[in-house]
Amino acid sequence: MATHAKALTADQVKENFRQRGKTITQWATENGYTRNEVYRVLNGQAKANYGKAHDIAVKLGLKPTPAMAA
């Protein structure tokens, strides 16, 4: 999902999941995260400036990858 040149909004990420017929829980499990960690990032409860939350945000496309930001 993080292949987009522009960062996505949480609503866009959720819509992408709906269009693909995939749940957030499935994505979390496949990527080694808990469902709650992913939902905290998507719902804005985690700032995702660093650590695991930041990694989740980058993989979801909510934040640009460090290479894209440079």
PDB file of N, CA and C in Angstrom:
ATOM      1  N   MET A   1       0.800  -1.202   0.000  1.00  0.00           N
ATOM      2  CA  MET A   1       0.000   0.000   0.000  1.00  0.00           C
ATOM      3  C   MET A   1       0.841   1.264   0.000  1.00  0.00           C
ATOM      4  N   ALA A   2       2.040   1.184   0.484  1.00  0.00           N
ATOM      5  CA  ALA A   2       2.854   2.375   0.622  1.00  0.00           C
ATOM      6  C   ALA A   2       3.553   2.755  -0.679  1.00  0.00           C
ATOM      7  N   THR A   3       3.037   2.313  -1.793  1.00  0.00           N
ATOM      8  CA  THR A   3       3.671   2.618  -3.070  1.00  0.00           C
ATOM      9  C   THR A   3       3.214   3.952  -3.643  1.00  0.00           C
ATOM     10  N   HIS A   4       2.261   4.598  -3.001  1.00  0.00           N
ATOM     11  CA  HIS A   4       1.752   5.874  -3.492  1.00  0.00           C
ATOM     12  C   HIS A   4       2.770   6.981  -3.247  1.00  0.00           C
ATOM     13  N   ALA A   5       2.889   7.897  -4.186  1.00  0.00           N
ATOM     14  CA  ALA A   5       3.830   9.001  -4.051  1.00  0.00           C
ATOM     15  C   ALA A   5       3.336  10.007  -3.024  1.00  0.00           C
ATOM     16  N   LYS A   6       2.020  10.090  -2.843  1.00  0.00           N
ATOM     17  CA  LYS A   6       1.433  11.039  -1.913  1.00  0.00           C
ATOM     18  C   LYS A   6       0.840  10.270  -0.739  1.00  0.00           C
ATOM     19  N   ALA A   7       1.000  10.814   0.452  1.00  0.00           N
ATOM     20  CA  ALA A   7       0.447  10.161   1.633  1.00  0.00           C
ATOM     21  C   ALA A   7      -1.075  10.134   1.551  1.00  0.00           C
ATOM     22  N   LEU A   8      -1.647   9.039   2.014  1.00  0.00           N
ATOM     23  CA  LEU A   8      -3.092   8.859   1.996  1.00  0.00           C
ATOM     24  C   LEU A   8      -3.703   9.295   3.322  1.00  0.00           C
ATOM     25  N   THR A   9      -4.992   9.547   3.310  1.00  0.00           N
ATOM     26  CA  THR A   9      -5.715   9.802   4.552  1.00  0.00           C
ATOM     27  C   THR A   9      -6.168   8.462   5.116  1.00  0.00           C
ATOM     28  N   ALA A  10      -6.542   8.453   6.389  1.00  0.00           N
ATOM     29  CA  ALA A  10      -7.035   7.222   7.010  1.00  0.00           C
ATOM     30  C   ALA A  10      -8.282   6.721   6.292  1.00  0.00           C
ATOM     31  N   ASP A  11      -9.154   7.629   5.885  1.00  0.00           N
ATOM     32  CA  ASP A  11     -10.366   7.226   5.164  1.00  0.00           C
ATOM     33  C   ASP A  11     -10.025   6.573   3.827  1.00  0.00           C
ATOM     34  N   GLN A  12      -9.017   7.080   3.149  1.00  0.00           N
ATOM     35  CA  GLN A  12      -8.597   6.484   1.875  1.00  0.00           C
ATOM     36  C   GLN A  12      -8.036   5.078   2.094  1.00  0.00           C
ATOM     37  N   VAL A  13      -7.271   4.911   3.155  1.00  0.00           N
ATOM     38  CA  VAL A  13      -6.711   3.591   3.464  1.00  0.00           C
ATOM     39  C   VAL A  13      -7.840   2.611   3.761  1.00  0.00           C
ATOM     40  N   LYS A  14      -8.802   3.034   4.578  1.00  0.00           N
ATOM     41  CA  LYS A  14      -9.940   2.167   4.914  1.00  0.00           C
ATOM     42  C   LYS A  14     -10.739   1.812   3.667  1.00  0.00           C
ATOM     43  N   GLU A  15     -10.938   2.765   2.777  1.00  0.00           N
ATOM     44  CA  GLU A  15     -11.666   2.509   1.533  1.00  0.00           C
ATOM     45  C   GLU A  15     -10.898   1.520   0.651  1.00  0.00           C
ATOM     46  N   ASN A  16      -9.569   1.639   0.611  1.00  0.00           N
ATOM     47  CA  ASN A  16      -8.754   0.688  -0.150  1.00  0.00           C
ATOM     48  C   ASN A  16      -8.939  -0.734   0.373  1.00  0.00           C
ATOM     49  N   PHE A  17      -9.004  -0.878   1.695  1.00  0.00           N
ATOM     50  CA  PHE A  17      -9.251  -2.195   2.279  1.00  0.00           C
ATOM     51  C   PHE A  17     -10.617  -2.719   1.852  1.00  0.00           C
ATOM     52  N   ARG A  18     -11.636  -1.873   1.911  1.00  0.00           N
ATOM     53  CA  ARG A  18     -12.986  -2.287   1.517  1.00  0.00           C
ATOM     54  C   ARG A  18     -13.022  -2.724   0.053  1.00  0.00           C
ATOM     55  N   GLN A  19     -12.370  -1.957  -0.808  1.00  0.00           N
ATOM     56  CA  GLN A  19     -12.368  -2.278  -2.237  1.00  0.00           C
ATOM     57  C   GLN A  19     -11.679  -3.610  -2.528  1.00  0.00           C
ATOM     58  N   ARG A  20     -10.658  -3.921  -1.755  1.00  0.00           N
ATOM     59  CA  ARG A  20      -9.925  -5.173  -1.962  1.00  0.00           C
ATOM     60  C   ARG A  20     -10.554  -6.347  -1.217  1.00  0.00           C
ATOM     61  N   GLY A  21     -11.544  -6.071  -0.376  1.00  0.00           N
ATOM     62  CA  GLY A  21     -12.194  -7.132   0.382  1.00  0.00           C
ATOM     63  C   GLY A  21     -11.317  -7.708   1.473  1.00  0.00           C
ATOM     64  N   LYS A  22     -10.450  -6.883   2.015  1.00  0.00           N
ATOM     65  CA  LYS A  22      -9.522  -7.321   3.051  1.00  0.00           C
ATOM     66  C   LYS A  22      -9.825  -6.566   4.338  1.00  0.00           C
ATOM     67  N   THR A  23      -9.708  -7.257   5.459  1.00  0.00           N
ATOM     68  CA  THR A  23      -9.959  -6.584   6.729  1.00  0.00           C
ATOM     69  C   THR A  23      -8.658  -6.023   7.290  1.00  0.00           C
ATOM     70  N   ILE A  24      -8.811  -5.066   8.154  1.00  0.00           N
ATOM     71  CA  ILE A  24      -7.647  -4.472   8.811  1.00  0.00           C
ATOM     72  C   ILE A  24      -6.990  -5.511   9.708  1.00  0.00           C
ATOM     73  N   THR A  25      -7.793  -6.362  10.308  1.00  0.00           N
ATOM     74  CA  THR A  25      -7.258  -7.430  11.149  1.00  0.00           C
ATOM     75  C   THR A  25      -6.384  -8.380  10.333  1.00  0.00           C
ATOM     76  N   GLN A  26      -6.822  -8.734   9.132  1.00  0.00           N
ATOM     77  CA  GLN A  26      -6.016  -9.600   8.261  1.00  0.00           C
ATOM     78  C   GLN A  26      -4.687  -8.932   7.930  1.00  0.00           C
ATOM     79  N   TRP A  27      -4.747  -7.653   7.560  1.00  0.00           N
ATOM     80  CA  TRP A  27      -3.528  -6.929   7.211  1.00  0.00           C
ATOM     81  C   TRP A  27      -2.582  -6.878   8.409  1.00  0.00           C
ATOM     82  N   ALA A  28      -3.135  -6.598   9.585  1.00  0.00           N
ATOM     83  CA  ALA A  28      -2.315  -6.511  10.794  1.00  0.00           C
ATOM     84  C   ALA A  28      -1.600  -7.835  11.059  1.00  0.00           C
ATOM     85  N   THR A  29      -2.329  -8.926  10.971  1.00  0.00           N
ATOM     86  CA  THR A  29      -1.750 -10.248  11.210  1.00  0.00           C
ATOM     87  C   THR A  29      -0.662 -10.567  10.189  1.00  0.00           C
ATOM     88  N   GLU A  30      -0.922 -10.285   8.927  1.00  0.00           N
ATOM     89  CA  GLU A  30       0.054 -10.559   7.865  1.00  0.00           C
ATOM     90  C   GLU A  30       1.336  -9.753   8.034  1.00  0.00           C
ATOM     91  N   ASN A  31       1.231  -8.585   8.656  1.00  0.00           N
ATOM     92  CA  ASN A  31       2.391  -7.703   8.800  1.00  0.00           C
ATOM     93  C   ASN A  31       2.996  -7.724  10.200  1.00  0.00           C
ATOM     94  N   GLY A  32       2.502  -8.614  11.064  1.00  0.00           N
ATOM     95  CA  GLY A  32       3.101  -8.789  12.385  1.00  0.00           C
ATOM     96  C   GLY A  32       2.686  -7.765  13.425  1.00  0.00           C
ATOM     97  N   TYR A  33       1.540  -7.147  13.243  1.00  0.00           N
ATOM     98  CA  TYR A  33       1.036  -6.165  14.201  1.00  0.00           C
ATOM     99  C   TYR A  33      -0.268  -6.663  14.802  1.00  0.00           C
ATOM    100  N   THR A  34      -0.641  -6.080  15.932  1.00  0.00           N
ATOM    101  CA  THR A  34      -1.947  -6.411  16.487  1.00  0.00           C
ATOM    102  C   THR A  34      -2.991  -5.510  15.847  1.00  0.00           C
ATOM    103  N   ARG A  35      -4.203  -5.989  15.859  1.00  0.00           N
ATOM    104  CA  ARG A  35      -5.332  -5.234  15.311  1.00  0.00           C
ATOM    105  C   ARG A  35      -5.448  -3.874  16.002  1.00  0.00           C
ATOM    106  N   ASN A  36      -5.275  -3.863  17.328  1.00  0.00           N
ATOM    107  CA  ASN A  36      -5.405  -2.622  18.094  1.00  0.00           C
ATOM    108  C   ASN A  36      -4.343  -1.597  17.716  1.00  0.00           C
ATOM    109  N   GLU A  37      -3.118  -2.056  17.475  1.00  0.00           N
ATOM    110  CA  GLU A  37      -2.052  -1.134  17.070  1.00  0.00           C
ATOM    111  C   GLU A  37      -2.415  -0.438  15.762  1.00  0.00           C
ATOM    112  N   VAL A  38      -2.926  -1.195  14.815  1.00  0.00           N
ATOM    113  CA  VAL A  38      -3.268  -0.632  13.508  1.00  0.00           C
ATOM    114  C   VAL A  38      -4.444   0.331  13.636  1.00  0.00           C
ATOM    115  N   TYR A  39      -5.459  -0.052  14.388  1.00  0.00           N
ATOM    116  CA  TYR A  39      -6.612   0.835  14.563  1.00  0.00           C
ATOM    117  C   TYR A  39      -6.233   2.129  15.278  1.00  0.00           C
ATOM    118  N   ARG A  40      -5.299   2.058  16.239  1.00  0.00           N
ATOM    119  CA  ARG A  40      -4.869   3.287  16.929  1.00  0.00           C
ATOM    120  C   ARG A  40      -4.224   4.255  15.941  1.00  0.00           C
ATOM    121  N   VAL A  41      -3.464   3.734  15.003  1.00  0.00           N
ATOM    122  CA  VAL A  41      -2.844   4.589  13.983  1.00  0.00           C
ATOM    123  C   VAL A  41      -3.914   5.148  13.046  1.00  0.00           C
ATOM    124  N   LEU A  42      -4.796   4.291  12.555  1.00  0.00           N
ATOM    125  CA  LEU A  42      -5.830   4.730  11.607  1.00  0.00           C
ATOM    126  C   LEU A  42      -6.803   5.736  12.215  1.00  0.00           C
ATOM    127  N   ASN A  43      -7.096   5.579  13.494  1.00  0.00           N
ATOM    128  CA  ASN A  43      -8.064   6.463  14.143  1.00  0.00           C
ATOM    129  C   ASN A  43      -7.424   7.688  14.783  1.00  0.00           C
ATOM    130  N   GLY A  44      -6.111   7.839  14.629  1.00  0.00           N
ATOM    131  CA  GLY A  44      -5.437   9.031  15.126  1.00  0.00           C
ATOM    132  C   GLY A  44      -5.129   9.022  16.607  1.00  0.00           C
ATOM    133  N   GLN A  45      -5.270   7.890  17.255  1.00  0.00           N
ATOM    134  CA  GLN A  45      -4.978   7.811  18.684  1.00  0.00           C
ATOM    135  C   GLN A  45      -3.484   7.675  18.944  1.00  0.00           C
ATOM    136  N   ALA A  46      -2.749   7.200  17.957  1.00  0.00           N
ATOM    137  CA  ALA A  46      -1.294   7.117  18.040  1.00  0.00           C
ATOM    138  C   ALA A  46      -0.731   8.140  17.057  1.00  0.00           C
ATOM    139  N   LYS A  47       0.203   8.957  17.510  1.00  0.00           N
ATOM    140  CA  LYS A  47       0.751  10.011  16.652  1.00  0.00           C
ATOM    141  C   LYS A  47       1.619   9.461  15.527  1.00  0.00           C
ATOM    142  N   ALA A  48       2.172   8.293  15.727  1.00  0.00           N
ATOM    143  CA  ALA A  48       2.972   7.610  14.702  1.00  0.00           C
ATOM    144  C   ALA A  48       4.186   8.413  14.255  1.00  0.00           C
ATOM    145  N   ASN A  49       4.834   9.070  15.198  1.00  0.00           N
ATOM    146  CA  ASN A  49       6.040   9.822  14.866  1.00  0.00           C
ATOM    147  C   ASN A  49       7.290   8.947  14.856  1.00  0.00           C
ATOM    148  N   TYR A  50       7.252   7.838  15.583  1.00  0.00           N
ATOM    149  CA  TYR A  50       8.397   6.936  15.649  1.00  0.00           C
ATOM    150  C   TYR A  50       7.928   5.571  16.135  1.00  0.00           C
ATOM    151  N   GLY A  51       8.822   4.606  16.061  1.00  0.00           N
ATOM    152  CA  GLY A  51       8.537   3.272  16.574  1.00  0.00           C
ATOM    153  C   GLY A  51       7.566   2.477  15.724  1.00  0.00           C
ATOM    154  N   LYS A  52       6.910   1.532  16.384  1.00  0.00           N
ATOM    155  CA  LYS A  52       6.008   0.612  15.695  1.00  0.00           C
ATOM    156  C   LYS A  52       4.859   1.348  15.026  1.00  0.00           C
ATOM    157  N   ALA A  53       4.295   2.346  15.691  1.00  0.00           N
ATOM    158  CA  ALA A  53       3.183   3.104  15.104  1.00  0.00           C
ATOM    159  C   ALA A  53       3.625   3.801  13.816  1.00  0.00           C
ATOM    160  N   HIS A  54       4.831   4.330  13.804  1.00  0.00           N
ATOM    161  CA  HIS A  54       5.351   4.975  12.593  1.00  0.00           C
ATOM    162  C   HIS A  54       5.524   3.956  11.474  1.00  0.00           C
ATOM    163  N   ASP A  55       6.044   2.784  11.818  1.00  0.00           N
ATOM    164  CA  ASP A  55       6.204   1.727  10.814  1.00  0.00           C
ATOM    165  C   ASP A  55       4.859   1.354  10.197  1.00  0.00           C
ATOM    166  N   ILE A  56       3.832   1.252  11.029  1.00  0.00           N
ATOM    167  CA  ILE A  56       2.489   0.922  10.545  1.00  0.00           C
ATOM    168  C   ILE A  56       1.999   2.012   9.599  1.00  0.00           C
ATOM    169  N   ALA A  57       2.154   3.264  10.002  1.00  0.00           N
ATOM    170  CA  ALA A  57       1.687   4.382   9.180  1.00  0.00           C
ATOM    171  C   ALA A  57       2.383   4.404   7.824  1.00  0.00           C
ATOM    172  N   VAL A  58       3.667   4.114   7.802  1.00  0.00           N
ATOM    173  CA  VAL A  58       4.412   4.092   6.536  1.00  0.00           C
ATOM    174  C   VAL A  58       3.923   2.947   5.659  1.00  0.00           C
ATOM    175  N   LYS A  59       3.746   1.759   6.245  1.00  0.00           N
ATOM    176  CA  LYS A  59       3.292   0.604   5.457  1.00  0.00           C
ATOM    177  C   LYS A  59       1.886   0.807   4.908  1.00  0.00           C
ATOM    178  N   LEU A  60       1.045   1.509   5.656  1.00  0.00           N
ATOM    179  CA  LEU A  60      -0.321   1.772   5.193  1.00  0.00           C
ATOM    180  C   LEU A  60      -0.369   2.891   4.160  1.00  0.00           C
ATOM    181  N   GLY A  61       0.700   3.671   4.082  1.00  0.00           N
ATOM    182  CA  GLY A  61       0.723   4.785   3.139  1.00  0.00           C
ATOM    183  C   GLY A  61       0.249   6.095   3.746  1.00  0.00           C
ATOM    184  N   LEU A  62       0.082   6.122   5.073  1.00  0.00           N
ATOM    185  CA  LEU A  62      -0.348   7.348   5.749  1.00  0.00           C
ATOM    186  C   LEU A  62       0.780   8.368   5.842  1.00  0.00           C
ATOM    187  N   LYS A  63       2.006   7.861   5.862  1.00  0.00           N
ATOM    188  CA  LYS A  63       3.184   8.727   5.925  1.00  0.00           C
ATOM    189  C   LYS A  63       4.135   8.297   4.816  1.00  0.00           C
ATOM    190  N   PRO A  64       4.871   9.240   4.266  1.00  0.00           N
ATOM    191  CA  PRO A  64       5.832   8.865   3.218  1.00  0.00           C
ATOM    192  C   PRO A  64       6.971   8.041   3.807  1.00  0.00           C
ATOM    193  N   THR A  65       7.553   7.187   2.988  1.00  0.00           N
ATOM    194  CA  THR A  65       8.724   6.440   3.436  1.00  0.00           C
ATOM    195  C   THR A  65       9.868   7.426   3.605  1.00  0.00           C
ATOM    196  N   PRO A  66      10.827   7.121   4.454  1.00  0.00           N
ATOM    197  CA  PRO A  66      11.956   8.043   4.629  1.00  0.00           C
ATOM    198  C   PRO A  66      12.637   8.396   3.311  1.00  0.00           C
ATOM    199  N   ALA A  67      12.724   7.472   2.365  1.00  0.00           N
ATOM    200  CA  ALA A  67      13.350   7.751   1.066  1.00  0.00           C
ATOM    201  C   ALA A  67      12.526   8.761   0.271  1.00  0.00           C
ATOM    202  N   MET A  68      11.191   8.685   0.382  1.00  0.00           N
ATOM    203  CA  MET A  68      10.322   9.616  -0.334  1.00  0.00           C
ATOM    204  C   MET A  68      10.369  11.007   0.289  1.00  0.00           C
ATOM    205  N   ALA A  69      10.552  11.064   1.599  1.00  0.00           N
ATOM    206  CA  ALA A  69      10.549  12.344   2.298  1.00  0.00           C
ATOM    207  C   ALA A  69      11.827  13.128   2.026  1.00  0.00           C
ATOM    208  N   ALA A  70      12.903  12.432   1.718  1.00  0.00           N
ATOM    209  CA  ALA A  70      14.192  13.099   1.510  1.00  0.00           C
ATOM    210  C   ALA A  70      14.267  13.792   0.176  1.00  0.00           C
TER     211      ALA A  70
END
